[in-house]
């Protein structure tokens, strides 16, 4: 384009001047370009050095960051493993605690049931205790009654034994009296046979005593026993004195003994029936 726009010269000198001026212009531009190139190269070298320094710093930083990243990865892996272990342990602990909770609930239910059973048993025992106390009171009452009845029966038995002893004594005394009375009657019969026309005073007294004794009422059992026990000498001879018994007294004693034997026999039969 410059060749197309090249002007037309009128002379050689003008052309030479033109080309000189153009070469100077280009030379100056080249020198300026070289200076700029040198400045650019110097700036480039400085920039390159700075960039290399920054690159070294960046690489060092990257290396540090890579190491830090690796360390953090290792820590993350360690934390993951620890977390998994803790999770596994926590899961096991939770399972154990759930089992313990289930067992505790089961034990609690059993204890509640046992407490209810104990309360029911306690109520039953209280009722049984009250019933036992009532039964025991009734038993004590019956026992006291039985003891009283036993004491009464023992006293009656002692009285009956005493009565039996007294009856045996009275039987012996009655036997002796009958024998003596028979002897007296034989003596009286012999006296009457020896002197029929003149009875003696003793026979008259004996007849009157017999008649008097036959007319006497029977002595009650209690009165005769009281007199016999109050005065033991009555059991030996029929009266309290040591004088010989008259026929009327002996007949009266025989009536008393007979009445007493009858009543004692009835008492013994009634006691046996009871």
C-alpha atoms as a PDB file:
ATOM      1  CA  UNK A   1       0.000   0.000   0.000  1.00  0.00           C
ATOM      2  CA  UNK A   2       2.829   2.345   0.755  1.00  0.00           C
ATOM      3  CA  UNK A   3       4.353   1.479  -2.593  1.00  0.00           C
ATOM      4  CA  UNK A   4       0.996   2.341  -4.188  1.00  0.00           C
ATOM      5  CA  UNK A   5       0.877   5.589  -2.231  1.00  0.00           C
ATOM      6  CA  UNK A   6       4.510   6.371  -2.957  1.00  0.00           C
ATOM      7  CA  UNK A   7       4.723   9.875  -4.288  1.00  0.00           C
ATOM      8  CA  UNK A   8       6.244  10.805  -7.542  1.00  0.00           C
ATOM      9  CA  UNK A   9       9.571  12.533  -7.338  1.00  0.00           C
ATOM     10  CA  UNK A  10      10.736  15.247  -9.572  1.00  0.00           C
ATOM     11  CA  UNK A  11      14.382  14.582  -8.984  1.00  0.00           C
ATOM     12  CA  UNK A  12      16.777  12.014  -7.595  1.00  0.00           C
ATOM     13  CA  UNK A  13      17.752  14.132  -4.642  1.00  0.00           C
ATOM     14  CA  UNK A  14      14.164  14.505  -3.627  1.00  0.00           C
ATOM     15  CA  UNK A  15      13.751  10.770  -3.853  1.00  0.00           C
ATOM     16  CA  UNK A  16      16.973  10.228  -1.901  1.00  0.00           C
ATOM     17  CA  UNK A  17      15.863  12.621   0.779  1.00  0.00           C
ATOM     18  CA  UNK A  18      12.515  10.915   0.926  1.00  0.00           C
ATOM     19  CA  UNK A  19      14.052   7.545   1.369  1.00  0.00           C
ATOM     20  CA  UNK A  20      16.542   8.859   3.887  1.00  0.00           C
ATOM     21  CA  UNK A  21      13.819  10.460   5.883  1.00  0.00           C
ATOM     22  CA  UNK A  22      11.765   7.258   5.670  1.00  0.00           C
ATOM     23  CA  UNK A  23      14.715   5.120   6.715  1.00  0.00           C
ATOM     24  CA  UNK A  24      15.436   7.458   9.579  1.00  0.00           C
ATOM     25  CA  UNK A  25      11.820   7.257  10.530  1.00  0.00           C
ATOM     26  CA  UNK A  26      11.864   3.476  10.439  1.00  0.00           C
ATOM     27  CA  UNK A  27      15.229   3.390  12.155  1.00  0.00           C
ATOM     28  CA  UNK A  28      13.925   5.583  14.892  1.00  0.00           C
ATOM     29  CA  UNK A  29      10.823   3.429  15.120  1.00  0.00           C
ATOM     30  CA  UNK A  30      13.018   0.361  15.235  1.00  0.00           C
ATOM     31  CA  UNK A  31      15.171   1.851  17.917  1.00  0.00           C
ATOM     32  CA  UNK A  32      12.097   2.805  19.874  1.00  0.00           C
ATOM     33  CA  UNK A  33      10.749  -0.692  19.313  1.00  0.00           C
ATOM     34  CA  UNK A  34      14.034  -2.164  20.467  1.00  0.00           C
ATOM     35  CA  UNK A  35      13.962   0.027  23.532  1.00  0.00           C
ATOM     36  CA  UNK A  36      10.409  -0.974  24.157  1.00  0.00           C
ATOM     37  CA  UNK A  37      11.437  -4.590  23.529  1.00  0.00           C
ATOM     38  CA  UNK A  38      14.265  -4.264  25.955  1.00  0.00           C
ATOM     39  CA  UNK A  39      11.991  -2.627  28.456  1.00  0.00           C
ATOM     40  CA  UNK A  40       9.417  -5.306  27.779  1.00  0.00           C
ATOM     41  CA  UNK A  41      11.975  -8.059  28.117  1.00  0.00           C
ATOM     42  CA  UNK A  42      13.290  -6.541  31.321  1.00  0.00           C
ATOM     43  CA  UNK A  43       9.760  -6.164  32.586  1.00  0.00           C
ATOM     44  CA  UNK A  44       9.045  -9.665  31.400  1.00  0.00           C
ATOM     45  CA  UNK A  45      12.101 -10.976  33.237  1.00  0.00           C
ATOM     46  CA  UNK A  46      11.050  -9.149  36.386  1.00  0.00           C
ATOM     47  CA  UNK A  47       7.528 -10.310  35.919  1.00  0.00           C
ATOM     48  CA  UNK A  48       8.745 -13.840  35.230  1.00  0.00           C
ATOM     49  CA  UNK A  49      10.905 -13.756  38.341  1.00  0.00           C
ATOM     50  CA  UNK A  50       8.004 -12.411  40.312  1.00  0.00           C
ATOM     51  CA  UNK A  51       5.702 -14.984  38.779  1.00  0.00           C
ATOM     52  CA  UNK A  52       8.251 -17.710  39.462  1.00  0.00           C
ATOM     53  CA  UNK A  53       8.475 -16.522  43.036  1.00  0.00           C
ATOM     54  CA  UNK A  54       4.720 -16.427  43.238  1.00  0.00           C
ATOM     55  CA  UNK A  55       4.624 -19.798  41.535  1.00  0.00           C
ATOM     56  CA  UNK A  56       7.127 -21.181  44.092  1.00  0.00           C
ATOM     57  CA  UNK A  57       5.076 -19.700  46.859  1.00  0.00           C
ATOM     58  CA  UNK A  58       1.943 -21.056  45.245  1.00  0.00           C
ATOM     59  CA  UNK A  59       3.506 -24.480  44.809  1.00  0.00           C
ATOM     60  CA  UNK A  60       4.731 -24.385  48.388  1.00  0.00           C
ATOM     61  CA  UNK A  61       1.287 -23.280  49.441  1.00  0.00           C
ATOM     62  CA  UNK A  62      -0.255 -26.005  47.334  1.00  0.00           C
ATOM     63  CA  UNK A  63       2.135 -28.493  48.842  1.00  0.00           C
ATOM     64  CA  UNK A  64       1.235 -27.273  52.314  1.00  0.00           C
ATOM     65  CA  UNK A  65      -2.434 -27.335  51.415  1.00  0.00           C
ATOM     66  CA  UNK A  66      -2.031 -30.807  49.982  1.00  0.00           C
ATOM     67  CA  UNK A  67      -0.333 -31.938  53.195  1.00  0.00           C
ATOM     68  CA  UNK A  68      -3.035 -30.215  55.237  1.00  0.00           C
ATOM     69  CA  UNK A  69      -5.653 -31.803  53.035  1.00  0.00           C
ATOM     70  CA  UNK A  70      -4.089 -35.203  53.486  1.00  0.00           C
ATOM     71  CA  UNK A  71      -3.875 -34.647  57.217  1.00  0.00           C
ATOM     72  CA  UNK A  72      -7.483 -33.550  57.281  1.00  0.00           C
ATOM     73  CA  UNK A  73      -8.438 -36.573  55.191  1.00  0.00           C
ATOM     74  CA  UNK A  74      -6.601 -38.779  57.651  1.00  0.00           C
ATOM     75  CA  UNK A  75      -8.320 -37.036  60.533  1.00  0.00           C
ATOM     76  CA  UNK A  76     -11.633 -37.424  58.726  1.00  0.00           C
ATOM     77  CA  UNK A  77     -10.968 -41.122  58.253  1.00  0.00           C
ATOM     78  CA  UNK A  78      -9.935 -41.415  61.878  1.00  0.00           C
ATOM     79  CA  UNK A  79     -13.013 -39.511  62.966  1.00  0.00           C
ATOM     80  CA  UNK A  80     -15.147 -41.667  60.687  1.00  0.00           C
ATOM     81  CA  UNK A  81     -13.673 -44.815  62.205  1.00  0.00           C
ATOM     82  CA  UNK A  82     -14.071 -43.388  65.702  1.00  0.00           C
ATOM     83  CA  UNK A  83     -17.600 -42.300  64.889  1.00  0.00           C
ATOM     84  CA  UNK A  84     -18.406 -45.737  63.515  1.00  0.00           C
ATOM     85  CA  UNK A  85     -16.922 -47.328  66.633  1.00  0.00           C
ATOM     86  CA  UNK A  86     -18.840 -44.948  68.841  1.00  0.00           C
ATOM     87  CA  UNK A  87     -21.973 -45.566  66.810  1.00  0.00           C
ATOM     88  CA  UNK A  88     -21.460 -49.310  67.097  1.00  0.00           C
ATOM     89  CA  UNK A  89     -20.782 -49.020  70.817  1.00  0.00           C
ATOM     90  CA  UNK A  90     -23.730 -46.680  71.227  1.00  0.00           C
ATOM     91  CA  UNK A  91     -25.930 -49.075  69.275  1.00  0.00           C
ATOM     92  CA  UNK A  92     -24.759 -51.953  71.450  1.00  0.00           C
ATOM     93  CA  UNK A  93     -25.268 -49.869  74.598  1.00  0.00           C
ATOM     94  CA  UNK A  94     -28.702 -48.816  73.368  1.00  0.00           C
ATOM     95  CA  UNK A  95     -29.544 -52.463  72.664  1.00  0.00           C
ATOM     96  CA  UNK A  96     -28.301 -53.469  76.115  1.00  0.00           C
ATOM     97  CA  UNK A  97     -30.191 -50.590  77.720  1.00  0.00           C
ATOM     98  CA  UNK A  98     -33.330 -51.515  75.795  1.00  0.00           C
ATOM     99  CA  UNK A  99     -32.956 -55.106  76.973  1.00  0.00           C
ATOM    100  CA  UNK A 100     -32.346 -53.865  80.527  1.00  0.00           C
ATOM    101  CA  UNK A 101     -35.346 -51.577  80.202  1.00  0.00           C
ATOM    102  CA  UNK A 102     -37.486 -54.480  79.006  1.00  0.00           C
ATOM    103  CA  UNK A 103     -36.247 -56.663  81.850  1.00  0.00           C
ATOM    104  CA  UNK A 104     -36.754 -53.807  84.306  1.00  0.00           C
ATOM    105  CA  UNK A 105     -40.293 -53.301  83.073  1.00  0.00           C
ATOM    106  CA  UNK A 106     -40.928 -57.026  83.304  1.00  0.00           C
ATOM    107  CA  UNK A 107     -39.476 -57.078  86.818  1.00  0.00           C
ATOM    108  CA  UNK A 108     -41.529 -53.995  87.682  1.00  0.00           C
ATOM    109  CA  UNK A 109     -44.702 -55.675  86.439  1.00  0.00           C
ATOM    110  CA  UNK A 110     -43.802 -58.822  88.343  1.00  0.00           C
ATOM    111  CA  UNK A 111     -43.116 -56.748  91.455  1.00  0.00           C
ATOM    112  CA  UNK A 112     -46.445 -54.935  91.047  1.00  0.00           C
ATOM    113  CA  UNK A 113     -48.159 -58.281  90.644  1.00  0.00           C
ATOM    114  CA  UNK A 114     -46.240 -59.656  93.621  1.00  0.00           C
ATOM    115  CA  UNK A 115     -47.171 -56.591  95.681  1.00  0.00           C
ATOM    116  CA  UNK A 116     -50.824 -57.044  94.737  1.00  0.00           C
ATOM    117  CA  UNK A 117     -50.576 -60.722  95.656  1.00  0.00           C
ATOM    118  CA  UNK A 118     -48.883 -59.773  98.931  1.00  0.00           C
ATOM    119  CA  UNK A 119     -51.609 -57.223  99.642  1.00  0.00           C
ATOM    120  CA  UNK A 120     -54.239 -59.853  98.839  1.00  0.00           C
ATOM    121  CA  UNK A 121     -52.410 -62.387 101.003  1.00  0.00           C
ATOM    122  CA  UNK A 122     -52.114 -59.760 103.734  1.00  0.00           C
ATOM    123  CA  UNK A 123     -55.850 -59.102 103.542  1.00  0.00           C
ATOM    124  CA  UNK A 124     -56.502 -62.853 103.626  1.00  0.00           C
ATOM    125  CA  UNK A 125     -54.140 -63.203 106.572  1.00  0.00           C
ATOM    126  CA  UNK A 126     -55.839 -60.300 108.343  1.00  0.00           C
ATOM    127  CA  UNK A 127     -59.224 -61.926 107.804  1.00  0.00           C
ATOM    128  CA  UNK A 128     -57.802 -65.285 108.863  1.00  0.00           C
ATOM    129  CA  UNK A 129     -56.209 -63.588 111.878  1.00  0.00           C
ATOM    130  CA  UNK A 130     -59.503 -61.993 112.871  1.00  0.00           C
ATOM    131  CA  UNK A 131     -61.294 -65.295 112.327  1.00  0.00           C
ATOM    132  CA  UNK A 132     -58.568 -67.085 114.286  1.00  0.00           C
ATOM    133  CA  UNK A 133     -58.827 -64.534 117.088  1.00  0.00           C
ATOM    134  CA  UNK A 134     -62.592 -65.009 117.173  1.00  0.00           C
ATOM    135  CA  UNK A 135     -62.153 -68.792 117.058  1.00  0.00           C
ATOM    136  CA  UNK A 136     -59.479 -68.550 119.717  1.00  0.00           C
ATOM    137  CA  UNK A 137     -61.742 -66.454 121.913  1.00  0.00           C
ATOM    138  CA  UNK A 138     -64.552 -68.954 121.391  1.00  0.00           C
ATOM    139  CA  UNK A 139     -62.118 -71.787 122.064  1.00  0.00           C
ATOM    140  CA  UNK A 140     -60.854 -70.051 125.203  1.00  0.00           C
ATOM    141  CA  UNK A 141     -64.413 -69.492 126.290  1.00  0.00           C
ATOM    142  CA  UNK A 142     -65.262 -73.136 125.641  1.00  0.00           C
ATOM    143  CA  UNK A 143     -62.002 -74.161 127.290  1.00  0.00           C
ATOM    144  CA  UNK A 144     -62.788 -72.080 130.345  1.00  0.00           C
ATOM    145  CA  UNK A 145     -66.251 -73.566 130.416  1.00  0.00           C
ATOM    146  CA  UNK A 146     -64.745 -77.030 130.008  1.00  0.00           C
ATOM    147  CA  UNK A 147     -62.196 -76.275 132.744  1.00  0.00           C
ATOM    148  CA  UNK A 148     -64.959 -75.048 135.016  1.00  0.00           C
ATOM    149  CA  UNK A 149     -67.064 -78.079 134.157  1.00  0.00           C
ATOM    150  CA  UNK A 150     -64.049 -80.316 134.630  1.00  0.00           C
ATOM    151  CA  UNK A 151     -63.331 -78.688 137.976  1.00  0.00           C
ATOM    152  CA  UNK A 152     -66.973 -79.067 138.907  1.00  0.00           C
ATOM    153  CA  UNK A 153     -66.955 -82.701 137.792  1.00  0.00           C
ATOM    154  CA  UNK A 154     -63.684 -83.287 139.634  1.00  0.00           C
ATOM    155  CA  UNK A 155     -65.207 -81.763 142.748  1.00  0.00           C
ATOM    156  CA  UNK A 156     -68.283 -83.923 142.236  1.00  0.00           C
ATOM    157  CA  UNK A 157     -66.031 -86.917 141.654  1.00  0.00           C
ATOM    158  CA  UNK A 158     -64.139 -86.129 144.834  1.00  0.00           C
ATOM    159  CA  UNK A 159     -67.446 -85.764 146.642  1.00  0.00           C
ATOM    160  CA  UNK A 160     -68.636 -89.057 145.131  1.00  0.00           C
ATOM    161  CA  UNK A 161     -65.410 -90.758 146.182  1.00  0.00           C
ATOM    162  CA  UNK A 162     -65.854 -89.303 149.640  1.00  0.00           C
ATOM    163  CA  UNK A 163     -69.456 -90.471 149.571  1.00  0.00           C
ATOM    164  CA  UNK A 164     -68.358 -93.928 148.450  1.00  0.00           C
ATOM    165  CA  UNK A 165     -65.856 -94.071 151.315  1.00  0.00           C
ATOM    166  CA  UNK A 166     -68.537 -92.859 153.692  1.00  0.00           C
ATOM    167  CA  UNK A 167     -71.020 -95.368 152.236  1.00  0.00           C
ATOM    168  CA  UNK A 168     -68.506 -98.180 152.682  1.00  0.00           C
ATOM    169  CA  UNK A 169     -67.937 -97.112 156.263  1.00  0.00           C
ATOM    170  CA  UNK A 170     -71.659 -96.835 156.828  1.00  0.00           C
ATOM    171  CA  UNK A 171     -72.137-100.290 155.271  1.00  0.00           C
ATOM    172  CA  UNK A 172     -69.561-101.699 157.641  1.00  0.00           C
ATOM    173  CA  UNK A 173     -71.170 -99.879 160.531  1.00  0.00           C
ATOM    174  CA  UNK A 174     -74.611-101.087 159.442  1.00  0.00           C
ATOM    175  CA  UNK A 175     -73.331-104.643 159.199  1.00  0.00           C
ATOM    176  CA  UNK A 176     -71.893-104.372 162.681  1.00  0.00           C
ATOM    177  CA  UNK A 177     -75.135-102.855 163.931  1.00  0.00           C
ATOM    178  CA  UNK A 178     -77.174-105.614 162.319  1.00  0.00           C
ATOM    179  CA  UNK A 179     -74.961-108.235 163.894  1.00  0.00           C
ATOM    180  CA  UNK A 180     -75.178-106.592 167.284  1.00  0.00           C
ATOM    181  CA  UNK A 181     -78.928-106.115 166.877  1.00  0.00           C
ATOM    182  CA  UNK A 182     -79.303-109.794 165.995  1.00  0.00           C
ATOM    183  CA  UNK A 183     -77.307-110.713 169.073  1.00  0.00           C
ATOM    184  CA  UNK A 184     -79.459-108.432 171.226  1.00  0.00           C
ATOM    185  CA  UNK A 185     -82.620-109.888 169.699  1.00  0.00           C
ATOM    186  CA  UNK A 186     -81.414-113.422 170.396  1.00  0.00           C
ATOM    187  CA  UNK A 187     -80.614-112.403 173.948  1.00  0.00           C
ATOM    188  CA  UNK A 188     -84.051-110.793 174.257  1.00  0.00           C
ATOM    189  CA  UNK A 189     -85.705-113.914 172.853  1.00  0.00           C
ATOM    190  CA  UNK A 190     -83.785-116.082 175.314  1.00  0.00           C
ATOM    191  CA  UNK A 191     -84.789-113.762 178.160  1.00  0.00           C
ATOM    192  CA  UNK A 192     -88.428-113.885 177.124  1.00  0.00           C
ATOM    193  CA  UNK A 193     -88.256-117.693 176.846  1.00  0.00           C
ATOM    194  CA  UNK A 194     -86.693-117.946 180.305  1.00  0.00           C
ATOM    195  CA  UNK A 195     -89.219-115.578 181.942  1.00  0.00           C
ATOM    196  CA  UNK A 196     -92.281-115.124 179.811  1.00  0.00           C
ATOM    197  CA  UNK A 197     -94.618-114.001 182.595  1.00  0.00           C
ATOM    198  CA  UNK A 198     -92.345-111.251 184.003  1.00  0.00           C
ATOM    199  CA  UNK A 199     -90.536-109.299 181.323  1.00  0.00           C
ATOM    200  CA  UNK A 200     -87.613-107.300 182.456  1.00  0.00           C
ATOM    201  CA  UNK A 201     -87.270-103.593 182.322  1.00  0.00           C
ATOM    202  CA  UNK A 202     -84.714-103.845 179.495  1.00  0.00           C
ATOM    203  CA  UNK A 203     -87.113-105.740 177.281  1.00  0.00           C
ATOM    204  CA  UNK A 204     -89.792-103.188 177.864  1.00  0.00           C
ATOM    205  CA  UNK A 205     -87.329-100.408 177.011  1.00  0.00           C
ATOM    206  CA  UNK A 206     -86.205-102.291 173.915  1.00  0.00           C
ATOM    207  CA  UNK A 207     -89.756-102.738 172.656  1.00  0.00           C
ATOM    208  CA  UNK A 208     -90.575 -99.104 173.248  1.00  0.00           C
ATOM    209  CA  UNK A 209     -87.306 -98.069 171.530  1.00  0.00           C
ATOM    210  CA  UNK A 210     -88.061-100.299 168.532  1.00  0.00           C
ATOM    211  CA  UNK A 211     -91.529 -98.831 168.231  1.00  0.00           C
ATOM    212  CA  UNK A 212     -90.126 -95.313 168.589  1.00  0.00           C
ATOM    213  CA  UNK A 213     -87.472 -95.949 165.977  1.00  0.00           C
ATOM    214  CA  UNK A 214     -89.996 -97.371 163.557  1.00  0.00           C
ATOM    215  CA  UNK A 215     -92.071 -94.223 163.936  1.00  0.00           C
ATOM    216  CA  UNK A 216     -89.092 -91.881 163.258  1.00  0.00           C
ATOM    217  CA  UNK A 217     -88.888 -90.301 159.759  1.00  0.00           C
ATOM    218  CA  UNK A 218     -85.931 -91.028 157.461  1.00  0.00           C
ATOM    219  CA  UNK A 219     -83.026 -88.635 157.864  1.00  0.00           C
ATOM    220  CA  UNK A 220     -82.149 -86.596 154.749  1.00  0.00           C
ATOM    221  CA  UNK A 221     -78.929 -87.482 152.954  1.00  0.00           C
ATOM    222  CA  UNK A 222     -77.338 -84.101 153.056  1.00  0.00           C
ATOM    223  CA  UNK A 223     -78.015 -83.540 156.735  1.00  0.00           C
ATOM    224  CA  UNK A 224     -76.701 -86.957 157.711  1.00  0.00           C
ATOM    225  CA  UNK A 225     -73.608 -86.546 155.489  1.00  0.00           C
ATOM    226  CA  UNK A 226     -72.942 -83.086 156.867  1.00  0.00           C
ATOM    227  CA  UNK A 227     -73.213 -84.423 160.383  1.00  0.00           C
ATOM    228  CA  UNK A 228     -70.987 -87.377 159.477  1.00  0.00           C
ATOM    229  CA  UNK A 229     -68.287 -85.230 157.885  1.00  0.00           C
ATOM    230  CA  UNK A 230     -68.517 -82.524 160.526  1.00  0.00           C
ATOM    231  CA  UNK A 231     -68.145 -85.053 163.362  1.00  0.00           C
ATOM    232  CA  UNK A 232     -66.036 -88.078 162.309  1.00  0.00           C
ATOM    233  CA  UNK A 233     -66.880 -89.889 165.529  1.00  0.00           C
ATOM    234  CA  UNK A 234     -70.404 -90.423 164.216  1.00  0.00           C
ATOM    235  CA  UNK A 235     -68.967 -92.703 161.536  1.00  0.00           C
ATOM    236  CA  UNK A 236     -67.329 -94.833 164.183  1.00  0.00           C
ATOM    237  CA  UNK A 237     -70.239 -95.452 166.576  1.00  0.00           C
ATOM    238  CA  UNK A 238     -73.222 -93.505 165.225  1.00  0.00           C
ATOM    239  CA  UNK A 239     -73.083 -90.719 167.840  1.00  0.00           C
ATOM    240  CA  UNK A 240     -70.592 -88.265 169.268  1.00  0.00           C
ATOM    241  CA  UNK A 241     -70.335 -89.848 172.697  1.00  0.00           C
ATOM    242  CA  UNK A 242     -68.282 -92.824 173.752  1.00  0.00           C
ATOM    243  CA  UNK A 243     -71.254 -94.353 175.627  1.00  0.00           C
ATOM    244  CA  UNK A 244     -72.685 -97.710 174.432  1.00  0.00           C
ATOM    245  CA  UNK A 245     -75.558 -97.376 171.987  1.00  0.00           C
ATOM    246  CA  UNK A 246     -79.059 -98.168 173.245  1.00  0.00           C
ATOM    247  CA  UNK A 247     -81.300-100.399 171.108  1.00  0.00           C
ATOM    248  CA  UNK A 248     -83.435 -97.426 170.069  1.00  0.00           C
ATOM    249  CA  UNK A 249     -80.355 -95.499 169.001  1.00  0.00           C
ATOM    250  CA  UNK A 250     -79.089 -98.459 166.996  1.00  0.00           C
ATOM    251  CA  UNK A 251     -82.443 -98.920 165.285  1.00  0.00           C
ATOM    252  CA  UNK A 252     -82.544 -95.223 164.435  1.00  0.00           C
ATOM    253  CA  UNK A 253     -78.990 -95.517 163.072  1.00  0.00           C
ATOM    254  CA  UNK A 254     -80.052 -98.466 160.950  1.00  0.00           C
ATOM    255  CA  UNK A 255     -82.917 -96.433 159.489  1.00  0.00           C
ATOM    256  CA  UNK A 256     -80.552 -93.557 158.772  1.00  0.00           C
ATOM    257  CA  UNK A 257     -78.042 -95.895 157.102  1.00  0.00           C
ATOM    258  CA  UNK A 258     -80.710 -97.543 154.972  1.00  0.00           C
ATOM    259  CA  UNK A 259     -82.084 -94.171 153.862  1.00  0.00           C
ATOM    260  CA  UNK A 260     -78.560 -92.936 153.182  1.00  0.00           C
ATOM    261  CA  UNK A 261     -77.648 -96.022 151.154  1.00  0.00           C
ATOM    262  CA  UNK A 262     -80.785 -95.617 149.032  1.00  0.00           C
ATOM    263  CA  UNK A 263     -80.089 -91.963 148.303  1.00  0.00           C
ATOM    264  CA  UNK A 264     -76.390 -92.573 147.634  1.00  0.00           C
ATOM    265  CA  UNK A 265     -77.296 -95.363 145.228  1.00  0.00           C
ATOM    266  CA  UNK A 266     -79.666 -93.050 143.373  1.00  0.00           C
ATOM    267  CA  UNK A 267     -76.985 -90.320 143.271  1.00  0.00           C
ATOM    268  CA  UNK A 268     -74.399 -92.755 141.865  1.00  0.00           C
ATOM    269  CA  UNK A 269     -76.834 -93.988 139.205  1.00  0.00           C
ATOM    270  CA  UNK A 270     -77.678 -90.400 138.203  1.00  0.00           C
ATOM    271  CA  UNK A 271     -73.939 -89.557 137.990  1.00  0.00           C
ATOM    272  CA  UNK A 272     -73.304 -92.605 135.800  1.00  0.00           C
ATOM    273  CA  UNK A 273     -76.228 -91.684 133.538  1.00  0.00           C
ATOM    274  CA  UNK A 274     -74.765 -88.195 133.096  1.00  0.00           C
END
